[in-house]
Amino acid sequence: MNNIIAYQGVEGAYSHLACEKAFPNSIPIACDTFNNAMKLVETGEANLAMIPVENSTAGRVEEIYRLIPKLSLHIIQEHFEPVNHCLLGIKGSTKKDIKYVSSHLQALAQCHTNITKLQIKALVKFDTAGSAQEISKKNNKLYGAIASKLAAKLYNLEILDNKFGDQIDNITRFIILSKDIKTPKYEAHEEYITSLVFQVKDIPAALYKVLGCFATNGVNLMKIESYSVPGSLQASQFHIDIDGHLSKKNLKLALEELIFFAKEIKYLGVYKKFK
C-alpha cells in the first residue's frame, strides 16, 4: 500500500513539495490546519504527516511545539527543504504588469527587498499556494503571487522571477510524524537525534540541574525550546533535540539522572540526522 502523507496547506504548498521530495511514491493529502494533518495520522487515515518546525529565516513554528505533546505521535525522520520563492503571474503577464502581490506573511517578509524594488503592494493571505490558486481564478495581470514552482505548474501560472526571495539559502526543517514508533537500530557510521519534551520539577535550579545531567555525561544538546504550558502562567515545557541514540551509554546515564529533576517526560522519537 502506498503511504498516505498529510500536510498543512493547499496543493502546491512548500509542505506539499517536501512530501514529493522525501516520499516520491506517497499520496499527499492537503489539510487546512496542522492539527488536522496530525489527527489524520492519529486516526489511521494517513500513515505520516509532514510538519514544518523551523525556518532559517523566519525561526520556529511555535504552534507545532505546543501541539506535538498533546498527540500520540512519534518523530521518525527529519527533512530539510530549500524554500525558493517565485514571483508568479497569469499567463502572458510580465513583472511590469504586477501592481499587487499576495502570499503568506512570512513569504512576503522574506521577499520584502524585491517587493520594494518593484513598488508593488503586498497583500497578506493565509498561505503561499492558496495565493497562487486565487490569482489563477482572478485572471488579472495586475495581480501576482509569491509561491513555489510546483504551485505555478498546478495552477497554470507564469514564473516571472524564479529567485524572488531576499535570502538565497532559505531552508525549512520538517519532521515526519507516525503513529508507530520506528526506532532505527544503532549503526556506528550514522548520526542520530533523540527528541523529548518535559517539565522541570518545582525545586531550586531545576533547569540548571537538568542541563547538568547532559553536560556531566558528555551529551550534546542540539536544540532546546521552551514555551508556557497551556492554561498556566507558572509552568513551562521544554523540547530538546539530543545529539545521539538511546542505545549509547552516556545518553542512558543522562536520562536516568533526568528523572530526578524533570517530570512528565515524553519521548518523541529517535531518528537519523538528515543528510
C-alpha atoms as a PDB file:
ATOM      1  CA  MET A   1       0.000   0.000   0.000  1.00  0.00           C
ATOM      2  CA  ASN A   2       1.309   3.475  -0.847  1.00  0.00           C
ATOM      3  CA  ASN A   3       1.963   5.750   2.097  1.00  0.00           C
ATOM      4  CA  ILE A   4      -0.612   8.475   2.570  1.00  0.00           C
ATOM      5  CA  ILE A   5       1.097  11.579   3.923  1.00  0.00           C
ATOM      6  CA  ALA A   6      -0.803  14.584   5.316  1.00  0.00           C
ATOM      7  CA  TYR A   7       0.388  18.189   5.256  1.00  0.00           C
ATOM      8  CA  GLN A   8      -0.993  21.639   6.092  1.00  0.00           C
ATOM      9  CA  GLY A   9      -1.847  23.917   3.174  1.00  0.00           C
ATOM     10  CA  VAL A  10      -3.266  23.570  -0.317  1.00  0.00           C
ATOM     11  CA  GLU A  11      -1.772  21.798  -3.319  1.00  0.00           C
ATOM     12  CA  GLY A  12       1.486  23.452  -4.312  1.00  0.00           C
ATOM     13  CA  ALA A  13       2.467  24.498  -0.772  1.00  0.00           C
ATOM     14  CA  TYR A  14       6.098  24.068   0.274  1.00  0.00           C
ATOM     15  CA  SER A  15       4.941  21.262   2.585  1.00  0.00           C
ATOM     16  CA  HIS A  16       3.429  19.530  -0.458  1.00  0.00           C
ATOM     17  CA  LEU A  17       6.751  19.938  -2.255  1.00  0.00           C
ATOM     18  CA  ALA A  18       8.576  18.436   0.753  1.00  0.00           C
ATOM     19  CA  CYS A  19       6.241  15.409   0.642  1.00  0.00           C
ATOM     20  CA  GLU A  20       7.043  14.813  -3.018  1.00  0.00           C
ATOM     21  CA  LYS A  21      10.789  15.167  -2.437  1.00  0.00           C
ATOM     22  CA  ALA A  22      11.003  12.951   0.665  1.00  0.00           C
ATOM     23  CA  PHE A  23       8.357  10.392  -0.351  1.00  0.00           C
ATOM     24  CA  PRO A  24       8.032  10.439  -4.164  1.00  0.00           C
ATOM     25  CA  ASN A  25       5.709   7.406  -4.160  1.00  0.00           C
ATOM     26  CA  SER A  26       3.385   8.726  -1.471  1.00  0.00           C
ATOM     27  CA  ILE A  27      -0.129  10.110  -1.797  1.00  0.00           C
ATOM     28  CA  PRO A  28      -0.135  13.646  -0.307  1.00  0.00           C
ATOM     29  CA  ILE A  29      -3.312  14.891   1.393  1.00  0.00           C
ATOM     30  CA  ALA A  30      -3.833  18.634   1.964  1.00  0.00           C
ATOM     31  CA  CYS A  31      -5.290  19.741   5.338  1.00  0.00           C
ATOM     32  CA  ASP A  32      -6.447  23.170   6.449  1.00  0.00           C
ATOM     33  CA  THR A  33      -4.573  23.101   9.793  1.00  0.00           C
ATOM     34  CA  PHE A  34      -1.505  21.452  11.322  1.00  0.00           C
ATOM     35  CA  ASN A  35      -3.744  19.857  13.949  1.00  0.00           C
ATOM     36  CA  ASN A  36      -5.959  18.244  11.302  1.00  0.00           C
ATOM     37  CA  ALA A  37      -2.918  16.894   9.447  1.00  0.00           C
ATOM     38  CA  MET A  38      -1.659  15.267  12.650  1.00  0.00           C
ATOM     39  CA  LYS A  39      -5.121  13.978  13.589  1.00  0.00           C
ATOM     40  CA  LEU A  40      -5.340  12.079  10.291  1.00  0.00           C
ATOM     41  CA  VAL A  41      -2.279  10.119  11.381  1.00  0.00           C
ATOM     42  CA  GLU A  42      -3.690   9.517  14.872  1.00  0.00           C
ATOM     43  CA  THR A  43      -6.927   8.136  13.431  1.00  0.00           C
ATOM     44  CA  GLY A  44      -5.134   5.994  10.841  1.00  0.00           C
ATOM     45  CA  GLU A  45      -6.490   7.897   7.825  1.00  0.00           C
ATOM     46  CA  ALA A  46      -2.904   8.836   6.909  1.00  0.00           C
ATOM     47  CA  ASN A  47       0.333   6.966   7.540  1.00  0.00           C
ATOM     48  CA  LEU A  48       2.534  10.034   8.031  1.00  0.00           C
ATOM     49  CA  ALA A  49       2.421  13.803   8.471  1.00  0.00           C
ATOM     50  CA  MET A  50       4.956  16.285   7.049  1.00  0.00           C
ATOM     51  CA  ILE A  51       5.193  19.129   9.569  1.00  0.00           C
ATOM     52  CA  PRO A  52       7.459  22.226   9.447  1.00  0.00           C
ATOM     53  CA  VAL A  53       9.153  23.098  12.728  1.00  0.00           C
ATOM     54  CA  GLU A  54      11.572  25.891  11.844  1.00  0.00           C
ATOM     55  CA  ASN A  55      12.824  28.089   9.023  1.00  0.00           C
ATOM     56  CA  SER A  56      16.326  29.505   8.632  1.00  0.00           C
ATOM     57  CA  THR A  57      14.879  32.986   8.051  1.00  0.00           C
ATOM     58  CA  ALA A  58      11.591  33.061   9.989  1.00  0.00           C
ATOM     59  CA  GLY A  59      12.563  30.919  13.008  1.00  0.00           C
ATOM     60  CA  ARG A  60      10.499  28.266  14.772  1.00  0.00           C
ATOM     61  CA  VAL A  61       6.866  27.387  14.092  1.00  0.00           C
ATOM     62  CA  GLU A  62       5.754  27.773  17.705  1.00  0.00           C
ATOM     63  CA  GLU A  63       2.324  26.179  17.201  1.00  0.00           C
ATOM     64  CA  ILE A  64       3.928  22.821  16.416  1.00  0.00           C
ATOM     65  CA  TYR A  65       5.818  22.635  19.704  1.00  0.00           C
ATOM     66  CA  ARG A  66       2.529  23.148  21.532  1.00  0.00           C
ATOM     67  CA  LEU A  67       0.617  20.534  19.507  1.00  0.00           C
ATOM     68  CA  ILE A  68       3.058  17.621  19.499  1.00  0.00           C
ATOM     69  CA  PRO A  69       2.982  16.852  23.263  1.00  0.00           C
ATOM     70  CA  LYS A  70      -0.817  16.559  23.126  1.00  0.00           C
ATOM     71  CA  LEU A  71      -0.813  13.890  20.412  1.00  0.00           C
ATOM     72  CA  SER A  72       0.186  10.225  20.399  1.00  0.00           C
ATOM     73  CA  LEU A  73       2.624  10.577  17.523  1.00  0.00           C
ATOM     74  CA  HIS A  74       6.324   9.917  17.087  1.00  0.00           C
ATOM     75  CA  ILE A  75       9.066  11.590  15.071  1.00  0.00           C
ATOM     76  CA  ILE A  76      10.582   9.048  12.687  1.00  0.00           C
ATOM     77  CA  GLN A  77      12.521  11.305  10.311  1.00  0.00           C
ATOM     78  CA  GLU A  78      13.574  14.872   9.541  1.00  0.00           C
ATOM     79  CA  HIS A  79      13.706  16.590   6.154  1.00  0.00           C
ATOM     80  CA  PHE A  80      15.273  19.878   5.060  1.00  0.00           C
ATOM     81  CA  GLU A  81      13.602  21.604   2.111  1.00  0.00           C
ATOM     82  CA  PRO A  82      15.034  24.674   0.327  1.00  0.00           C
ATOM     83  CA  VAL A  83      12.416  27.416   0.051  1.00  0.00           C
ATOM     84  CA  ASN A  84      12.735  29.027  -3.368  1.00  0.00           C
ATOM     85  CA  HIS A  85      10.179  31.828  -3.598  1.00  0.00           C
ATOM     86  CA  CYS A  86       8.963  32.594  -7.125  1.00  0.00           C
ATOM     87  CA  LEU A  87       7.013  35.602  -8.343  1.00  0.00           C
ATOM     88  CA  LEU A  88       4.025  34.247 -10.281  1.00  0.00           C
ATOM     89  CA  GLY A  89       1.508  35.885 -12.607  1.00  0.00           C
ATOM     90  CA  ILE A  90      -1.155  34.721 -15.016  1.00  0.00           C
ATOM     91  CA  LYS A  91      -0.111  33.542 -18.467  1.00  0.00           C
ATOM     92  CA  GLY A  92       1.013  36.388 -20.698  1.00  0.00           C
ATOM     93  CA  SER A  93       1.828  38.767 -17.820  1.00  0.00           C
ATOM     94  CA  THR A  94       5.187  40.408 -17.081  1.00  0.00           C
ATOM     95  CA  LYS A  95       6.816  41.907 -13.993  1.00  0.00           C
ATOM     96  CA  LYS A  96       5.804  45.379 -15.182  1.00  0.00           C
ATOM     97  CA  ASP A  97       2.123  44.372 -15.127  1.00  0.00           C
ATOM     98  CA  ILE A  98       2.128  43.420 -11.432  1.00  0.00           C
ATOM     99  CA  LYS A  99       0.705  46.047  -9.047  1.00  0.00           C
ATOM    100  CA  TYR A 100      -0.338  43.726  -6.194  1.00  0.00           C
ATOM    101  CA  VAL A 101       1.383  40.608  -4.864  1.00  0.00           C
ATOM    102  CA  SER A 102      -0.159  38.206  -2.367  1.00  0.00           C
ATOM    103  CA  SER A 103       1.283  35.457  -0.168  1.00  0.00           C
ATOM    104  CA  HIS A 104       1.694  34.260   3.398  1.00  0.00           C
ATOM    105  CA  LEU A 105       3.030  36.949   5.760  1.00  0.00           C
ATOM    106  CA  GLN A 106       6.380  35.170   6.187  1.00  0.00           C
ATOM    107  CA  ALA A 107       6.872  34.772   2.426  1.00  0.00           C
ATOM    108  CA  LEU A 108       6.135  38.463   1.897  1.00  0.00           C
ATOM    109  CA  ALA A 109       8.657  39.349   4.616  1.00  0.00           C
ATOM    110  CA  GLN A 110      11.262  37.084   3.005  1.00  0.00           C
ATOM    111  CA  CYS A 111      10.786  38.903  -0.335  1.00  0.00           C
ATOM    112  CA  HIS A 112      10.491  42.428   1.084  1.00  0.00           C
ATOM    113  CA  THR A 113      13.512  43.858  -0.775  1.00  0.00           C
ATOM    114  CA  ASN A 114      12.313  42.707  -4.193  1.00  0.00           C
ATOM    115  CA  ILE A 115       8.723  43.767  -3.499  1.00  0.00           C
ATOM    116  CA  THR A 116      10.003  47.239  -2.601  1.00  0.00           C
ATOM    117  CA  LYS A 117      12.143  47.443  -5.738  1.00  0.00           C
ATOM    118  CA  LEU A 118       9.110  46.735  -7.923  1.00  0.00           C
ATOM    119  CA  GLN A 119       6.999  49.239  -5.935  1.00  0.00           C
ATOM    120  CA  ILE A 120       4.073  46.839  -5.682  1.00  0.00           C
ATOM    121  CA  LYS A 121       1.553  46.479  -2.852  1.00  0.00           C
ATOM    122  CA  ALA A 122       1.826  43.369  -0.662  1.00  0.00           C
ATOM    123  CA  LEU A 123      -1.397  41.569   0.286  1.00  0.00           C
ATOM    124  CA  VAL A 124      -1.305  39.144   3.232  1.00  0.00           C
ATOM    125  CA  LYS A 125      -3.045  35.802   2.636  1.00  0.00           C
ATOM    126  CA  PHE A 126      -3.385  32.535   4.552  1.00  0.00           C
ATOM    127  CA  ASP A 127      -0.717  30.647   2.586  1.00  0.00           C
ATOM    128  CA  THR A 128       1.556  30.745  -0.462  1.00  0.00           C
ATOM    129  CA  ALA A 129      -0.087  28.153  -2.696  1.00  0.00           C
ATOM    130  CA  GLY A 130      -3.543  29.478  -1.829  1.00  0.00           C
ATOM    131  CA  SER A 131      -2.440  32.863  -3.169  1.00  0.00           C
ATOM    132  CA  ALA A 132      -1.351  31.231  -6.423  1.00  0.00           C
ATOM    133  CA  GLN A 133      -4.703  29.472  -6.692  1.00  0.00           C
ATOM    134  CA  GLU A 134      -6.522  32.757  -6.045  1.00  0.00           C
ATOM    135  CA  ILE A 135      -4.749  34.797  -8.743  1.00  0.00           C
ATOM    136  CA  SER A 136      -5.276  31.957 -11.215  1.00  0.00           C
ATOM    137  CA  LYS A 137      -9.028  32.259 -10.658  1.00  0.00           C
ATOM    138  CA  LYS A 138      -8.880  36.071 -10.671  1.00  0.00           C
ATOM    139  CA  ASN A 139      -7.125  36.004 -14.077  1.00  0.00           C
ATOM    140  CA  ASN A 140      -5.980  39.629 -13.856  1.00  0.00           C
ATOM    141  CA  LYS A 141      -2.493  40.735 -14.974  1.00  0.00           C
ATOM    142  CA  LEU A 142      -2.328  43.280 -12.150  1.00  0.00           C
ATOM    143  CA  TYR A 143      -2.174  40.526  -9.510  1.00  0.00           C
ATOM    144  CA  GLY A 144       0.806  38.316  -8.722  1.00  0.00           C
ATOM    145  CA  ALA A 145       1.630  35.765  -6.025  1.00  0.00           C
ATOM    146  CA  ILE A 146       4.719  34.518  -4.236  1.00  0.00           C
ATOM    147  CA  ALA A 147       4.774  30.727  -4.183  1.00  0.00           C
ATOM    148  CA  SER A 148       6.656  27.638  -5.359  1.00  0.00           C
ATOM    149  CA  LYS A 149       7.400  26.333  -8.863  1.00  0.00           C
ATOM    150  CA  LEU A 150       5.042  23.463  -8.076  1.00  0.00           C
ATOM    151  CA  ALA A 151       2.223  25.963  -7.441  1.00  0.00           C
ATOM    152  CA  ALA A 152       2.957  27.618 -10.803  1.00  0.00           C
ATOM    153  CA  LYS A 153       2.653  24.240 -12.517  1.00  0.00           C
ATOM    154  CA  LEU A 154      -0.532  23.206 -10.694  1.00  0.00           C
ATOM    155  CA  TYR A 155      -2.360  26.496 -11.305  1.00  0.00           C
ATOM    156  CA  ASN A 156      -1.039  27.159 -14.831  1.00  0.00           C
ATOM    157  CA  LEU A 157       0.784  30.371 -13.921  1.00  0.00           C
ATOM    158  CA  GLU A 158       3.768  32.194 -15.418  1.00  0.00           C
ATOM    159  CA  ILE A 159       7.014  32.262 -13.402  1.00  0.00           C
ATOM    160  CA  LEU A 160       8.044  35.916 -13.661  1.00  0.00           C
ATOM    161  CA  ASP A 161      11.056  35.562 -11.343  1.00  0.00           C
ATOM    162  CA  ASN A 162      12.287  32.165 -10.124  1.00  0.00           C
ATOM    163  CA  LYS A 163      14.530  33.648  -7.396  1.00  0.00           C
ATOM    164  CA  PHE A 164      12.372  36.309  -5.810  1.00  0.00           C
ATOM    165  CA  GLY A 165      13.410  35.708  -2.181  1.00  0.00           C
ATOM    166  CA  ASP A 166      15.842  38.043  -0.427  1.00  0.00           C
ATOM    167  CA  GLN A 167      17.828  35.103   1.029  1.00  0.00           C
ATOM    168  CA  ILE A 168      19.331  32.519  -1.324  1.00  0.00           C
ATOM    169  CA  ASP A 169      19.830  29.818   1.338  1.00  0.00           C
ATOM    170  CA  ASN A 170      16.323  29.862   2.829  1.00  0.00           C
ATOM    171  CA  ILE A 171      15.607  26.394   4.271  1.00  0.00           C
ATOM    172  CA  THR A 172      12.742  24.859   6.244  1.00  0.00           C
ATOM    173  CA  ARG A 173      13.234  21.907   8.573  1.00  0.00           C
ATOM    174  CA  PHE A 174      10.367  19.402   8.620  1.00  0.00           C
ATOM    175  CA  ILE A 175       9.689  16.460  10.903  1.00  0.00           C
ATOM    176  CA  ILE A 176       7.806  13.367   9.727  1.00  0.00           C
ATOM    177  CA  LEU A 177       5.320  12.039  12.266  1.00  0.00           C
ATOM    178  CA  SER A 178       3.985   8.491  12.556  1.00  0.00           C
ATOM    179  CA  LYS A 179       1.558   6.749  14.886  1.00  0.00           C
ATOM    180  CA  ASP A 180       4.034   3.881  15.250  1.00  0.00           C
ATOM    181  CA  ILE A 181       7.418   4.049  16.971  1.00  0.00           C
ATOM    182  CA  LYS A 182      10.150   3.326  14.450  1.00  0.00           C
ATOM    183  CA  THR A 183      13.435   3.480  16.336  1.00  0.00           C
ATOM    184  CA  PRO A 184      16.303   2.723  13.955  1.00  0.00           C
ATOM    185  CA  LYS A 185      18.938   0.189  15.006  1.00  0.00           C
ATOM    186  CA  TYR A 186      22.170   1.921  16.002  1.00  0.00           C
ATOM    187  CA  GLU A 187      24.907   1.927  13.361  1.00  0.00           C
ATOM    188  CA  ALA A 188      28.300   3.412  14.194  1.00  0.00           C
ATOM    189  CA  HIS A 189      28.660   5.269  10.884  1.00  0.00           C
ATOM    190  CA  GLU A 190      25.286   7.050  11.256  1.00  0.00           C
ATOM    191  CA  GLU A 191      24.300  10.107  13.307  1.00  0.00           C
ATOM    192  CA  TYR A 192      21.076  10.245  15.294  1.00  0.00           C
ATOM    193  CA  ILE A 193      18.746  12.649  17.083  1.00  0.00           C
ATOM    194  CA  THR A 194      16.690  11.793  20.156  1.00  0.00           C
ATOM    195  CA  SER A 195      13.802  14.203  20.830  1.00  0.00           C
ATOM    196  CA  LEU A 196      11.776  14.562  24.000  1.00  0.00           C
ATOM    197  CA  VAL A 197       9.639  17.013  25.971  1.00  0.00           C
ATOM    198  CA  PHE A 198       9.424  17.538  29.726  1.00  0.00           C
ATOM    199  CA  GLN A 199       8.582  19.939  32.529  1.00  0.00           C
ATOM    200  CA  VAL A 200      11.017  20.725  35.337  1.00  0.00           C
ATOM    201  CA  LYS A 201      10.131  19.847  38.921  1.00  0.00           C
ATOM    202  CA  ASP A 202       9.344  22.645  41.366  1.00  0.00           C
ATOM    203  CA  ILE A 203      12.770  22.653  43.003  1.00  0.00           C
ATOM    204  CA  PRO A 204      15.530  25.305  43.081  1.00  0.00           C
ATOM    205  CA  ALA A 205      17.714  25.484  39.953  1.00  0.00           C
ATOM    206  CA  ALA A 206      15.784  22.615  38.332  1.00  0.00           C
ATOM    207  CA  LEU A 207      16.580  23.600  34.749  1.00  0.00           C
ATOM    208  CA  TYR A 208      20.259  24.104  35.618  1.00  0.00           C
ATOM    209  CA  LYS A 209      20.324  20.595  37.097  1.00  0.00           C
ATOM    210  CA  VAL A 210      18.544  19.150  34.050  1.00  0.00           C
ATOM    211  CA  LEU A 211      21.178  20.632  31.753  1.00  0.00           C
ATOM    212  CA  GLY A 212      23.846  19.309  34.106  1.00  0.00           C
ATOM    213  CA  CYS A 213      22.593  15.751  33.523  1.00  0.00           C
ATOM    214  CA  PHE A 214      23.659  16.021  29.914  1.00  0.00           C
ATOM    215  CA  ALA A 215      26.800  18.120  30.474  1.00  0.00           C
ATOM    216  CA  THR A 216      28.362  15.761  33.042  1.00  0.00           C
ATOM    217  CA  ASN A 217      27.767  12.768  30.773  1.00  0.00           C
ATOM    218  CA  GLY A 218      29.228  14.429  27.687  1.00  0.00           C
ATOM    219  CA  VAL A 219      25.921  14.581  25.802  1.00  0.00           C
ATOM    220  CA  ASN A 220      25.442  17.367  23.251  1.00  0.00           C
ATOM    221  CA  LEU A 221      22.076  19.162  23.178  1.00  0.00           C
ATOM    222  CA  MET A 222      21.401  20.366  19.633  1.00  0.00           C
ATOM    223  CA  LYS A 223      18.307  22.391  20.477  1.00  0.00           C
ATOM    224  CA  ILE A 224      16.221  23.446  23.473  1.00  0.00           C
ATOM    225  CA  GLU A 225      12.881  25.209  23.067  1.00  0.00           C
ATOM    226  CA  SER A 226      10.741  26.491  25.928  1.00  0.00           C
ATOM    227  CA  TYR A 227       7.094  27.538  25.964  1.00  0.00           C
ATOM    228  CA  SER A 228       4.312  28.024  28.506  1.00  0.00           C
ATOM    229  CA  VAL A 229       2.064  25.093  29.288  1.00  0.00           C
ATOM    230  CA  PRO A 230      -1.480  25.905  28.033  1.00  0.00           C
ATOM    231  CA  GLY A 231      -3.702  27.097  30.878  1.00  0.00           C
ATOM    232  CA  SER A 232      -0.810  28.031  33.150  1.00  0.00           C
ATOM    233  CA  LEU A 233       1.341  31.109  33.567  1.00  0.00           C
ATOM    234  CA  GLN A 234       3.659  29.323  36.006  1.00  0.00           C
ATOM    235  CA  ALA A 235       4.746  26.099  34.268  1.00  0.00           C
ATOM    236  CA  SER A 236       6.995  25.840  31.240  1.00  0.00           C
ATOM    237  CA  GLN A 237       7.512  22.897  28.939  1.00  0.00           C
ATOM    238  CA  PHE A 238      10.808  22.156  27.222  1.00  0.00           C
ATOM    239  CA  HIS A 239      11.502  20.437  23.916  1.00  0.00           C
ATOM    240  CA  ILE A 240      15.045  19.175  23.389  1.00  0.00           C
ATOM    241  CA  ASP A 241      16.819  17.563  20.454  1.00  0.00           C
ATOM    242  CA  ILE A 242      19.738  15.453  21.655  1.00  0.00           C
ATOM    243  CA  ASP A 243      22.739  14.515  19.547  1.00  0.00           C
ATOM    244  CA  GLY A 244      22.765  10.741  19.992  1.00  0.00           C
ATOM    245  CA  HIS A 245      20.960   7.393  20.038  1.00  0.00           C
ATOM    246  CA  LEU A 246      19.163   5.936  23.075  1.00  0.00           C
ATOM    247  CA  SER A 247      21.400   2.881  22.956  1.00  0.00           C
ATOM    248  CA  LYS A 248      24.522   4.942  23.805  1.00  0.00           C
ATOM    249  CA  LYS A 249      25.662   4.502  27.419  1.00  0.00           C
ATOM    250  CA  ASN A 250      26.324   8.193  28.125  1.00  0.00           C
ATOM    251  CA  LEU A 251      22.834   9.168  26.930  1.00  0.00           C
ATOM    252  CA  LYS A 252      21.257   6.386  29.007  1.00  0.00           C
ATOM    253  CA  LEU A 253      23.028   7.687  32.110  1.00  0.00           C
ATOM    254  CA  ALA A 254      21.944  11.276  31.390  1.00  0.00           C
ATOM    255  CA  LEU A 255      18.315  10.239  31.017  1.00  0.00           C
ATOM    256  CA  GLU A 256      18.455   8.199  34.237  1.00  0.00           C
ATOM    257  CA  GLU A 257      19.558  11.371  36.067  1.00  0.00           C
ATOM    258  CA  LEU A 258      16.901  13.456  34.279  1.00  0.00           C
ATOM    259  CA  ILE A 259      14.016  11.806  36.163  1.00  0.00           C
ATOM    260  CA  PHE A 260      15.243  13.380  39.452  1.00  0.00           C
ATOM    261  CA  PHE A 261      14.779  16.933  38.153  1.00  0.00           C
ATOM    262  CA  ALA A 262      12.119  16.660  35.432  1.00  0.00           C
ATOM    263  CA  LYS A 263       8.543  15.386  35.222  1.00  0.00           C
ATOM    264  CA  GLU A 264       6.062  14.434  32.502  1.00  0.00           C
ATOM    265  CA  ILE A 265       8.925  13.257  30.284  1.00  0.00           C
ATOM    266  CA  LYS A 266       7.693  12.190  26.872  1.00  0.00           C
ATOM    267  CA  TYR A 267       9.959  10.591  24.296  1.00  0.00           C
ATOM    268  CA  LEU A 268       9.066  11.799  20.808  1.00  0.00           C
ATOM    269  CA  GLY A 269      11.419   9.609  18.815  1.00  0.00           C
ATOM    270  CA  VAL A 270      14.899   8.554  17.746  1.00  0.00           C
ATOM    271  CA  TYR A 271      15.758   9.155  14.098  1.00  0.00           C
ATOM    272  CA  LYS A 272      18.686   9.612  11.738  1.00  0.00           C
ATOM    273  CA  LYS A 273      20.038  13.076  11.024  1.00  0.00           C
ATOM    274  CA  PHE A 274      19.112  14.337   7.569  1.00  0.00           C
ATOM    275  CA  LYS A 275      21.937  14.184   5.042  1.00  0.00           C
END
